[in-house]
Amino acid sequence: MKIVFKTFILLLLSSVLLGCGPKVDLVKGTKTISHNLTAAGGNIYIADFTDKAGETLLFQKYKSTLENYFFGHGLRVVDDVNEADLVAFISYGIGSPIVNTYSVPVYSYTPGRSKSSTSSVYSNQYGYIGYVTTTTHTMAKYERVGTEIKSYITYQRNFAMDILSVDAVTKEIPAKKVYEGRVKSIGSCNTVDEVMSELIQIMFQDFPGSQGTNEVQVISLTTPYCSKN
């Protein structure tokens, strides 16, 4: 009996702990790219296009993630721009709150009722011989009585990556862009940091993409970090 009781307690605790785990939702992003990158290979330098201190710290947090993705696609990240063949400019941010409204019908419920009435039945002028009971039933009904307007807040999270070629002789960056990528994600999670890993993953999905074309991709990823999409 003690063994069975202990097993029951363990199962109960397990279910409670699992129920308290992080909520898993989807991060949806739309990616738009345009590029004329040549075959993968060479050195690349990663530059933060923002100048805000907080965003720069965020860039440092995810720079190693970017390095791993570039390395996986045949590019070696260097710390000196003079050693680079390409320079990737990274930028990111979040837009103002977007108020979304929707309508919900409001219904009224009227319960059903029963009403009974009793009447005497006479056989002749000398009296009656019994009663007749009549019961009337009214059915319950639902009816629409109006509309309620509800709202929720979403935010647009943006991640951009531009790659420029570096002149092999002068080591200067010409006004020539060889890759332009944009990821837009709309959801109720109001910080870029919470979805940054997913935005980067969307950017490098099938990187760099079909050469010389524009592509729009809608990708859904699962994240345990943000309890909102």
Protein backbone atom coordinates (compact mmCIF):
# COMPACT_ATOMS: atom_id res chain seq x y z
CA MET A 1 0.00 0.00 0.00
CA LYS A 2 2.85 2.41 0.82
CA ILE A 3 4.51 1.75 -2.54
CA VAL A 4 1.28 2.47 -4.42
CA PHE A 5 0.74 5.66 -2.40
CA LYS A 6 4.26 6.93 -3.11
CA THR A 7 3.85 6.22 -6.81
CA PHE A 8 0.62 8.21 -6.85
CA ILE A 9 2.33 11.17 -5.17
CA LEU A 10 5.18 11.12 -7.70
CA LEU A 11 2.76 11.08 -10.63
CA LEU A 12 0.81 13.96 -9.09
CA LEU A 13 3.96 16.06 -8.59
CA SER A 14 5.09 15.32 -12.15
CA SER A 15 1.83 16.54 -13.60
CA VAL A 16 2.00 19.74 -11.54
CA LEU A 17 5.58 20.46 -12.61
CA LEU A 18 4.78 19.86 -16.27
CA GLY A 19 1.78 22.12 -15.99
CA CYS A 20 4.00 24.94 -14.73
CA GLY A 21 6.42 24.72 -17.65
CA PRO A 22 6.83 27.49 -20.24
CA LYS A 23 4.03 27.96 -22.70
CA VAL A 24 5.05 27.13 -26.26
CA ASP A 25 3.69 29.29 -29.06
CA LEU A 26 4.51 30.02 -32.68
CA VAL A 27 6.63 32.85 -34.01
CA LYS A 28 5.59 33.68 -37.55
CA GLY A 29 7.82 35.72 -39.82
CA THR A 30 7.65 36.95 -43.39
CA LYS A 31 11.05 37.08 -45.11
CA THR A 32 11.79 39.14 -48.19
CA ILE A 33 15.19 38.74 -49.87
CA SER A 34 16.98 39.99 -52.93
CA HIS A 35 20.58 39.12 -53.75
CA ASN A 36 23.23 38.31 -56.32
CA LEU A 37 25.73 36.60 -54.06
CA THR A 38 28.23 34.37 -55.80
CA ALA A 39 29.29 30.94 -54.53
CA ALA A 40 29.62 30.67 -50.77
CA GLY A 41 33.07 31.13 -49.27
CA GLY A 42 35.41 33.83 -48.03
CA ASN A 43 35.60 36.08 -45.01
CA ILE A 44 32.77 38.18 -43.65
CA TYR A 45 32.71 40.95 -41.05
CA ILE A 46 29.54 41.53 -38.98
CA ALA A 47 28.68 45.14 -38.15
CA ASP A 48 25.91 46.47 -35.92
CA PHE A 49 23.95 49.06 -37.87
CA THR A 50 22.37 50.53 -34.70
CA ASP A 51 23.96 53.10 -32.43
CA LYS A 52 21.87 52.68 -29.29
CA ALA A 53 23.66 51.18 -26.30
CA GLY A 54 20.89 48.75 -25.42
CA GLU A 55 20.60 47.47 -28.98
CA THR A 56 24.38 47.14 -29.24
CA LEU A 57 24.34 44.89 -26.18
CA LEU A 58 21.63 42.82 -27.84
CA PHE A 59 23.82 42.56 -30.93
CA GLN A 60 26.73 41.27 -28.84
CA LYS A 61 24.40 38.72 -27.27
CA TYR A 62 23.47 37.19 -30.63
CA LYS A 63 26.70 37.80 -32.59
CA SER A 64 27.93 34.25 -31.87
CA THR A 65 24.62 32.91 -33.22
CA LEU A 66 25.16 34.85 -36.45
CA GLU A 67 28.73 33.57 -36.66
CA ASN A 68 27.53 29.97 -36.41
CA TYR A 69 25.00 30.48 -39.21
CA PHE A 70 27.57 32.13 -41.49
CA PHE A 71 30.08 29.39 -40.75
CA GLY A 72 27.47 26.78 -41.60
CA HIS A 73 27.11 28.40 -45.03
CA GLY A 74 30.84 28.46 -45.80
CA LEU A 75 31.69 31.97 -44.57
CA ARG A 76 34.34 32.65 -41.95
CA VAL A 77 33.64 35.56 -39.59
CA VAL A 78 36.64 37.86 -39.01
CA ASP A 79 37.12 40.60 -36.39
CA ASP A 80 39.06 42.91 -38.73
CA VAL A 81 37.16 44.48 -41.59
CA ASN A 82 40.42 44.71 -43.55
CA GLU A 83 40.46 40.91 -43.76
CA ALA A 84 36.88 40.68 -45.01
CA ASP A 85 35.52 40.00 -48.46
CA LEU A 86 32.01 40.84 -47.33
CA VAL A 87 30.48 43.03 -44.62
CA ALA A 88 27.10 42.20 -43.09
CA PHE A 89 25.19 45.10 -41.54
CA ILE A 90 22.66 43.96 -38.93
CA SER A 91 19.72 46.01 -37.66
CA TYR A 92 16.59 45.22 -35.67
CA GLY A 93 13.78 46.93 -33.82
CA ILE A 94 10.16 46.91 -32.77
CA GLY A 95 7.29 49.08 -33.91
CA SER A 96 4.61 50.93 -31.98
CA PRO A 97 1.72 48.95 -30.47
CA ILE A 98 -0.94 47.93 -32.96
CA VAL A 99 -4.49 47.85 -31.61
CA ASN A 100 -6.55 45.09 -33.22
CA THR A 101 -10.30 44.97 -32.72
CA TYR A 102 -12.89 42.30 -33.38
CA SER A 103 -16.58 41.87 -32.65
CA VAL A 104 -18.22 39.11 -30.64
CA PRO A 105 -21.98 38.50 -30.79
CA VAL A 106 -23.83 38.70 -27.48
CA TYR A 107 -26.70 36.29 -26.86
CA SER A 108 -29.45 36.23 -24.27
CA TYR A 109 -30.82 33.02 -22.77
CA THR A 110 -34.44 32.66 -21.75
CA PRO A 111 -35.10 29.45 -19.83
CA GLY A 112 -38.08 27.26 -20.64
CA ARG A 113 -41.12 27.23 -18.33
CA SER A 114 -44.04 24.96 -17.61
CA LYS A 115 -47.51 26.18 -16.55
CA SER A 116 -50.24 23.87 -15.32
CA SER A 117 -53.93 24.59 -14.88
CA THR A 118 -56.66 22.36 -13.42
CA SER A 119 -60.32 22.47 -14.34
CA SER A 120 -63.30 20.48 -13.09
CA VAL A 121 -65.23 18.19 -15.41
CA TYR A 122 -68.98 17.86 -14.74
CA SER A 123 -70.98 14.92 -15.90
CA ASN A 124 -74.39 16.57 -15.47
CA GLN A 125 -76.27 19.10 -13.40
CA TYR A 126 -75.77 17.08 -10.20
CA GLY A 127 -72.04 17.46 -9.86
CA TYR A 128 -68.66 16.59 -11.29
CA ILE A 129 -66.82 13.35 -11.61
CA GLY A 130 -63.16 14.51 -11.85
CA TYR A 131 -60.53 17.04 -12.88
CA VAL A 132 -58.63 17.82 -16.08
CA THR A 133 -55.10 19.18 -15.68
CA THR A 134 -53.59 21.09 -18.63
CA THR A 135 -49.82 21.75 -18.76
CA THR A 136 -48.31 24.27 -21.16
CA HIS A 137 -44.56 24.11 -21.93
CA THR A 138 -42.51 27.07 -23.24
CA MET A 139 -39.21 26.09 -24.91
CA ALA A 140 -35.93 27.70 -23.86
CA LYS A 141 -34.43 30.00 -26.45
CA TYR A 142 -31.21 31.84 -27.33
CA GLU A 143 -31.43 35.13 -29.17
CA ARG A 144 -28.84 37.65 -30.27
CA VAL A 145 -29.19 40.92 -28.40
CA GLY A 146 -26.12 42.84 -29.50
CA THR A 147 -22.39 42.92 -30.30
CA GLU A 148 -19.38 43.35 -28.01
CA ILE A 149 -16.18 44.94 -29.32
CA LYS A 150 -12.93 43.45 -27.99
CA SER A 151 -9.31 44.34 -28.67
CA TYR A 152 -5.78 43.00 -28.34
CA ILE A 153 -2.30 44.46 -28.84
CA THR A 154 0.35 43.24 -31.29
CA TYR A 155 3.78 44.50 -32.29
CA GLN A 156 5.82 44.33 -35.47
CA ARG A 157 9.31 42.93 -34.81
CA ASN A 158 11.85 43.65 -37.56
CA PHE A 159 15.22 42.13 -38.41
CA ALA A 160 17.31 43.30 -41.37
CA MET A 161 20.59 42.13 -42.86
CA ASP A 162 22.43 43.83 -45.71
CA ILE A 163 25.64 42.35 -47.11
CA LEU A 164 28.06 44.49 -49.12
CA SER A 165 31.12 43.42 -51.06
CA VAL A 166 34.55 44.76 -50.16
CA ASP A 167 36.99 45.74 -52.89
CA ALA A 168 39.77 43.17 -52.99
CA VAL A 169 42.48 45.80 -53.60
CA THR A 170 41.46 48.93 -51.69
CA LYS A 171 39.52 47.06 -48.98
CA GLU A 172 36.86 49.73 -49.17
CA ILE A 173 33.12 49.11 -49.19
CA PRO A 174 31.68 50.27 -52.51
CA ALA A 175 28.11 51.40 -52.89
CA LYS A 176 27.16 47.91 -53.99
CA LYS A 177 24.82 45.67 -52.09
CA VAL A 178 24.97 41.95 -52.83
CA TYR A 179 22.32 40.77 -50.36
CA GLU A 180 19.27 42.38 -48.80
CA GLY A 181 17.14 40.46 -46.33
CA ARG A 182 14.18 41.58 -44.28
CA VAL A 183 12.18 39.61 -41.70
CA LYS A 184 8.91 40.97 -40.36
CA SER A 185 7.09 39.27 -37.52
CA ILE A 186 3.84 40.45 -35.95
CA GLY A 187 2.75 39.10 -32.58
CA SER A 188 1.89 40.03 -29.01
CA CYS A 189 5.43 39.51 -27.66
CA ASN A 190 6.63 43.09 -27.17
CA THR A 191 10.42 42.63 -26.99
CA VAL A 192 12.80 41.83 -29.82
CA ASP A 193 15.08 39.93 -27.46
CA GLU A 194 12.42 37.29 -26.80
CA VAL A 195 12.09 36.40 -30.49
CA MET A 196 15.54 37.35 -31.80
CA SER A 197 16.75 33.75 -32.14
CA GLU A 198 13.68 32.88 -34.20
CA LEU A 199 14.06 35.96 -36.44
CA ILE A 200 17.68 35.02 -37.14
CA GLN A 201 16.67 31.43 -37.89
CA ILE A 202 14.04 32.64 -40.34
CA MET A 203 16.61 34.88 -42.04
CA PHE A 204 19.00 31.99 -42.59
CA GLN A 205 16.36 29.52 -43.71
CA ASP A 206 17.58 28.37 -47.17
CA PHE A 207 20.24 31.10 -47.11
CA PRO A 208 20.99 32.88 -49.37
CA GLY A 209 18.08 31.75 -51.54
CA SER A 210 17.61 31.67 -55.29
CA GLN A 211 20.17 33.96 -56.92
CA GLY A 212 18.90 37.22 -58.37
CA THR A 213 15.32 36.82 -57.19
CA ASN A 214 12.94 38.14 -54.58
CA GLU A 215 11.39 35.63 -52.21
CA VAL A 216 8.67 36.00 -49.62
CA GLN A 217 8.49 33.18 -47.08
CA VAL A 218 6.12 32.67 -44.18
CA ILE A 219 7.75 30.40 -41.60
CA SER A 220 6.36 29.25 -38.26
CA LEU A 221 8.79 28.32 -35.49
CA THR A 222 8.21 27.10 -31.96
CA THR A 223 9.73 29.13 -29.14
CA PRO A 224 9.73 28.31 -25.40
CA TYR A 225 11.03 31.75 -24.44
CA CYS A 226 8.06 33.99 -25.00
CA SER A 227 4.64 32.98 -23.74
CA LYS A 228 3.15 35.07 -26.53
CA ASN A 229 3.64 34.82 -30.28
